[in-house]
Amino acid sequence: MTTTRPSGSLYTRIENHIATIEFGHPASNSFPSELLARLSKEFHLLSDNSEIHIIVLKSEGDGPFCAGASFNELVDIKTLDEGTTFFNGFAKVLNAMRQCSKLIIGRVQGKAVGGGVGLIAACDYVMATEASAIKLSELTIGIGPFVIAPAIERKIGIAALSELTIAAESWQNAYWAKEKGLYARVFETIKELDKEVEFLSIKLSQYNPQALYEMKKVLWKNTEDWDTLLDQRARISGKLVLSEFTREALQRFKK
């Protein structure tokens, strides 16, 4: 069952040292600022919980994985400070995932756009279905994927990031994402996906937690400047969203 709450939903289930975070929103599992703040806080809480060895991140339903940041909030931005704060929502989530002491498994059942792709890229290991195409459409409305770009580049490289960003109206399928390194494995059905996510998470939860933590640090080496970098990127987006080009583009999309 999917949520109907305007602010979205976020639930965490903890069992056998595995924390499963499930987020949802009636608008294709997009993220209003409130939900982003809750997700960031949840990663920090789970990071400090010694009973948790592994985190699984998933979204509600069998449709899109995540449509990115809330379109309604984007349209309502009026000042640079509002814009910077809005885009900092995803920056804080990405940094919380980076700083989290637990490995994060991404479970992706459907399409992801914009910030949703960034969320996937910030997971440490991702499994997806064939329906899990991706797109970075930000240039079409006069902004860019500046905040999420470091996470995506870290996973798939600058060439693939360039291809995704510049072909802003094109979807790339799940096998393209696997070839580039965003997905580790791709399955035909959600049933197969869930079976393998459960199998892997149980296996990992039985490994030495200290070894998992040390591996996490290795995987995120040379990202120590992200607190500053992502804040700077949020300010770039916050400025661009106020441009005449973007305001007109957003109004066309809204209509």
Protein backbone atom coordinates (compact mmCIF):
# COMPACT_ATOMS: atom_id res chain seq x y z
CA MET A 1 0.00 0.00 0.00
CA THR A 2 1.34 3.44 -0.95
CA THR A 3 1.06 6.57 1.16
CA THR A 4 -1.40 9.38 0.48
CA ARG A 5 0.24 11.81 2.92
CA PRO A 6 1.24 15.12 1.22
CA SER A 7 4.48 15.18 3.23
CA GLY A 8 5.27 11.57 2.32
CA SER A 9 6.15 8.66 4.56
CA LEU A 10 9.28 7.12 6.01
CA TYR A 11 9.36 3.86 7.93
CA THR A 12 12.27 1.82 9.25
CA ARG A 13 12.00 -1.86 10.10
CA ILE A 14 14.81 -3.43 12.14
CA GLU A 15 15.25 -7.18 12.21
CA ASN A 16 18.29 -9.43 12.67
CA HIS A 17 20.74 -6.49 12.53
CA ILE A 18 19.22 -5.25 9.24
CA ALA A 19 17.50 -1.87 9.04
CA THR A 20 15.16 -1.47 6.07
CA ILE A 21 14.24 2.14 5.30
CA GLU A 22 11.18 2.57 3.10
CA PHE A 23 10.16 5.99 1.81
CA GLY A 24 7.10 6.99 -0.17
CA HIS A 25 5.21 9.92 -1.62
CA PRO A 26 2.01 10.03 -3.70
CA ALA A 27 3.84 11.99 -6.43
CA SER A 28 5.95 9.11 -7.78
CA ASN A 29 7.96 8.79 -4.55
CA SER A 30 9.36 12.31 -4.87
CA PHE A 31 10.89 14.16 -1.94
CA PRO A 32 9.51 17.30 -0.30
CA SER A 33 12.00 19.03 1.99
CA GLU A 34 10.41 17.59 5.14
CA LEU A 35 10.87 14.03 3.90
CA LEU A 36 14.49 14.67 2.89
CA ALA A 37 15.20 16.00 6.38
CA ARG A 38 13.64 12.91 7.94
CA LEU A 39 15.70 10.60 5.73
CA SER A 40 18.93 12.41 6.54
CA LYS A 41 18.17 12.19 10.27
CA GLU A 42 17.34 8.49 9.95
CA PHE A 43 20.71 7.67 8.37
CA HIS A 44 22.52 9.46 11.20
CA LEU A 45 20.47 7.60 13.84
CA LEU A 46 21.10 4.20 12.24
CA SER A 47 24.78 5.01 11.84
CA ASP A 48 25.07 5.38 15.62
CA ASN A 49 23.07 2.22 16.39
CA SER A 50 25.45 -0.64 17.20
CA GLU A 51 22.66 -3.19 16.71
CA ILE A 52 22.48 -2.32 13.02
CA HIS A 53 24.99 -3.96 10.68
CA ILE A 54 23.40 -3.30 7.27
CA ILE A 55 20.89 -0.81 5.84
CA VAL A 56 18.52 -1.49 2.93
CA LEU A 57 17.00 1.54 1.19
CA LYS A 58 13.79 1.08 -0.80
CA SER A 59 10.71 2.99 -1.90
CA GLU A 60 7.01 2.17 -1.82
CA GLY A 61 5.01 0.41 -4.48
CA ASP A 62 5.90 -1.25 -7.75
CA GLY A 63 6.11 1.93 -9.86
CA PRO A 64 8.84 4.60 -9.92
CA PHE A 65 11.67 4.35 -7.44
CA CYS A 66 12.00 8.11 -7.02
CA ALA A 67 11.04 11.18 -9.03
CA GLY A 68 13.58 13.38 -7.27
CA ALA A 69 12.82 16.56 -5.36
CA SER A 70 9.31 17.96 -5.00
CA PHE A 71 8.21 19.86 -8.11
CA ASN A 72 5.66 21.89 -6.14
CA GLU A 73 8.32 23.18 -3.77
CA LEU A 74 10.65 23.94 -6.67
CA VAL A 75 8.01 26.14 -8.30
CA ASP A 76 7.44 28.08 -5.06
CA ILE A 77 11.09 29.18 -4.57
CA LYS A 78 11.30 32.98 -4.46
CA THR A 79 14.76 33.85 -3.05
CA LEU A 80 18.36 32.65 -3.25
CA ASP A 81 18.26 31.51 0.38
CA GLU A 82 15.08 29.51 -0.27
CA GLY A 83 16.66 27.95 -3.36
CA THR A 84 19.89 27.07 -1.60
CA THR A 85 17.98 25.53 1.32
CA PHE A 86 15.80 23.53 -1.08
CA PHE A 87 18.73 21.99 -2.96
CA ASN A 88 20.63 21.46 0.28
CA GLY A 89 17.94 18.93 1.18
CA PHE A 90 19.46 16.32 -1.11
CA ALA A 91 22.98 17.48 -0.22
CA LYS A 92 22.33 16.61 3.43
CA VAL A 93 20.93 13.19 2.52
CA LEU A 94 23.93 12.36 0.31
CA ASN A 95 26.33 13.44 3.04
CA ALA A 96 24.41 11.43 5.64
CA MET A 97 24.73 8.36 3.42
CA ARG A 98 28.43 9.05 2.86
CA GLN A 99 29.08 9.52 6.58
CA CYS A 100 26.92 6.56 7.64
CA SER A 101 29.00 3.85 9.31
CA LYS A 102 26.89 1.09 7.73
CA LEU A 103 26.96 -0.22 4.19
CA ILE A 104 23.76 0.73 2.33
CA ILE A 105 22.09 -1.61 -0.15
CA GLY A 106 19.81 0.07 -2.66
CA ARG A 107 16.70 -1.82 -3.81
CA VAL A 108 15.38 -0.17 -6.98
CA GLN A 109 12.12 -1.39 -8.52
CA GLY A 110 11.42 1.31 -11.11
CA LYS A 111 12.42 4.53 -12.84
CA ALA A 112 14.50 7.22 -11.15
CA VAL A 113 14.88 10.86 -12.17
CA GLY A 114 17.22 13.61 -10.96
CA GLY A 115 17.71 13.40 -7.22
CA GLY A 116 16.47 9.82 -7.31
CA VAL A 117 19.51 8.89 -9.40
CA GLY A 118 21.71 10.68 -6.88
CA LEU A 119 20.14 8.68 -4.07
CA ILE A 120 20.90 5.44 -5.93
CA ALA A 121 24.48 6.52 -6.57
CA ALA A 122 25.05 7.19 -2.87
CA CYS A 123 24.19 3.59 -1.99
CA ASP A 124 27.13 1.22 -1.62
CA TYR A 125 25.61 -1.65 -3.60
CA VAL A 126 22.49 -1.51 -5.76
CA MET A 127 20.20 -4.14 -7.24
CA ALA A 128 17.40 -3.21 -9.61
CA THR A 129 14.74 -4.52 -11.97
CA GLU A 130 14.71 -4.18 -15.75
CA ALA A 131 12.14 -1.39 -15.31
CA SER A 132 14.66 0.80 -13.48
CA ALA A 133 15.59 3.28 -16.20
CA ILE A 134 17.27 6.55 -15.21
CA LYS A 135 17.28 10.15 -16.44
CA LEU A 136 18.85 13.47 -15.46
CA SER A 137 16.43 16.02 -16.88
CA GLU A 138 17.60 19.14 -15.02
CA LEU A 139 19.01 20.98 -18.06
CA THR A 140 15.56 20.97 -19.67
CA ILE A 141 14.36 23.46 -17.05
CA GLY A 142 17.50 25.55 -16.96
CA ILE A 143 19.29 24.12 -13.93
CA GLY A 144 21.65 21.13 -13.62
CA PRO A 145 22.29 18.10 -11.42
CA PHE A 146 24.99 20.00 -9.56
CA VAL A 147 24.37 18.63 -6.04
CA ILE A 148 24.04 15.00 -7.05
CA ALA A 149 26.76 15.05 -9.73
CA PRO A 150 29.65 14.16 -7.33
CA ALA A 151 27.80 11.04 -6.15
CA ILE A 152 26.94 9.98 -9.69
CA GLU A 153 30.42 10.70 -11.06
CA ARG A 154 31.93 8.67 -8.22
CA LYS A 155 29.93 5.65 -9.36
CA ILE A 156 29.84 5.88 -13.16
CA GLY A 157 32.62 8.31 -14.13
CA ILE A 158 32.63 11.69 -15.81
CA ALA A 159 31.92 10.37 -19.33
CA ALA A 160 28.71 8.59 -18.32
CA LEU A 161 27.67 11.54 -16.15
CA SER A 162 28.15 13.79 -19.17
CA GLU A 163 26.07 11.47 -21.35
CA LEU A 164 23.24 11.38 -18.81
CA THR A 165 23.28 15.12 -18.20
CA ILE A 166 23.55 16.36 -21.79
CA ALA A 167 20.98 13.89 -23.19
CA ALA A 168 18.57 15.41 -20.68
CA GLU A 169 15.39 14.18 -22.37
CA SER A 170 16.56 10.59 -22.86
CA TRP A 171 16.07 7.61 -20.58
CA GLN A 172 18.94 5.18 -20.11
CA ASN A 173 17.81 1.64 -19.38
CA ALA A 174 18.77 -0.53 -16.42
CA TYR A 175 21.37 -2.47 -18.40
CA TRP A 176 23.11 0.76 -19.40
CA ALA A 177 23.17 1.70 -15.71
CA LYS A 178 24.61 -1.72 -14.85
CA GLU A 179 27.26 -1.46 -17.54
CA LYS A 180 28.35 1.92 -16.18
CA GLY A 181 28.49 0.68 -12.57
CA LEU A 182 25.41 2.27 -11.03
CA TYR A 183 23.67 -1.09 -10.61
CA ALA A 184 25.50 -4.22 -9.51
CA ARG A 185 22.76 -6.62 -10.66
CA VAL A 186 19.54 -6.37 -12.69
CA PHE A 187 16.55 -8.72 -12.42
CA GLU A 188 13.48 -9.35 -14.55
CA THR A 189 10.96 -9.14 -11.71
CA ILE A 190 10.50 -7.45 -8.33
CA LYS A 191 10.07 -10.90 -6.78
CA GLU A 192 13.53 -11.93 -7.96
CA LEU A 193 14.95 -8.60 -6.82
CA ASP A 194 13.53 -8.90 -3.32
CA LYS A 195 14.78 -12.45 -2.97
CA GLU A 196 18.36 -11.41 -3.78
CA VAL A 197 18.23 -8.26 -1.64
CA GLU A 198 17.13 -10.35 1.32
CA PHE A 199 19.80 -12.99 0.66
CA LEU A 200 22.61 -10.44 0.40
CA SER A 201 21.53 -8.36 3.38
CA ILE A 202 21.32 -11.45 5.60
CA LYS A 203 24.77 -12.56 4.49
CA LEU A 204 26.30 -9.14 5.11
CA SER A 205 24.61 -8.82 8.50
CA GLN A 206 26.51 -11.91 9.62
CA TYR A 207 29.93 -10.50 8.72
CA ASN A 208 32.25 -8.68 11.12
CA PRO A 209 30.65 -5.22 11.67
CA GLN A 210 34.08 -3.63 12.10
CA ALA A 211 35.23 -5.03 8.76
CA LEU A 212 32.09 -3.65 7.11
CA TYR A 213 32.75 -0.25 8.65
CA GLU A 214 36.37 -0.21 7.50
CA MET A 215 35.24 -1.20 3.99
CA LYS A 216 32.76 1.65 3.99
CA LYS A 217 35.57 4.10 4.72
CA VAL A 218 37.64 2.68 1.87
CA LEU A 219 34.74 3.00 -0.59
CA TRP A 220 34.23 6.66 0.28
CA LYS A 221 37.87 7.71 0.30
CA ASN A 222 38.60 11.24 -0.99
CA THR A 223 35.08 12.57 -0.42
CA GLU A 224 35.90 14.44 2.77
CA ASP A 225 35.26 17.80 1.11
CA TRP A 226 31.64 17.02 0.24
CA ASP A 227 30.17 18.98 3.15
CA THR A 228 31.53 22.14 1.57
CA LEU A 229 31.30 21.04 -2.07
CA LEU A 230 27.63 20.05 -2.02
CA ASP A 231 26.68 23.23 -0.19
CA GLN A 232 28.41 25.23 -2.93
CA ARG A 233 26.59 23.22 -5.60
CA ALA A 234 23.25 23.83 -3.85
CA ARG A 235 23.90 27.56 -4.06
CA ILE A 236 24.54 27.31 -7.83
CA SER A 237 21.20 25.54 -8.30
CA GLY A 238 19.49 27.97 -5.93
CA LYS A 239 20.64 30.87 -8.10
CA LEU A 240 19.73 29.24 -11.42
CA VAL A 241 16.22 28.31 -10.31
CA LEU A 242 15.47 32.03 -10.03
CA SER A 243 16.53 32.72 -13.63
CA GLU A 244 13.93 33.88 -16.14
CA PHE A 245 14.55 30.78 -18.27
CA THR A 246 13.82 28.41 -15.38
CA ARG A 247 10.80 30.31 -14.08
CA GLU A 248 9.21 30.17 -17.54
CA ALA A 249 10.11 26.50 -17.98
CA LEU A 250 8.61 25.60 -14.61
CA GLN A 251 5.38 27.40 -15.42
CA ARG A 252 5.10 25.47 -18.70
CA PHE A 253 5.63 22.17 -16.85
CA LYS A 254 3.13 23.20 -14.20
CA LYS A 255 0.44 23.86 -16.83
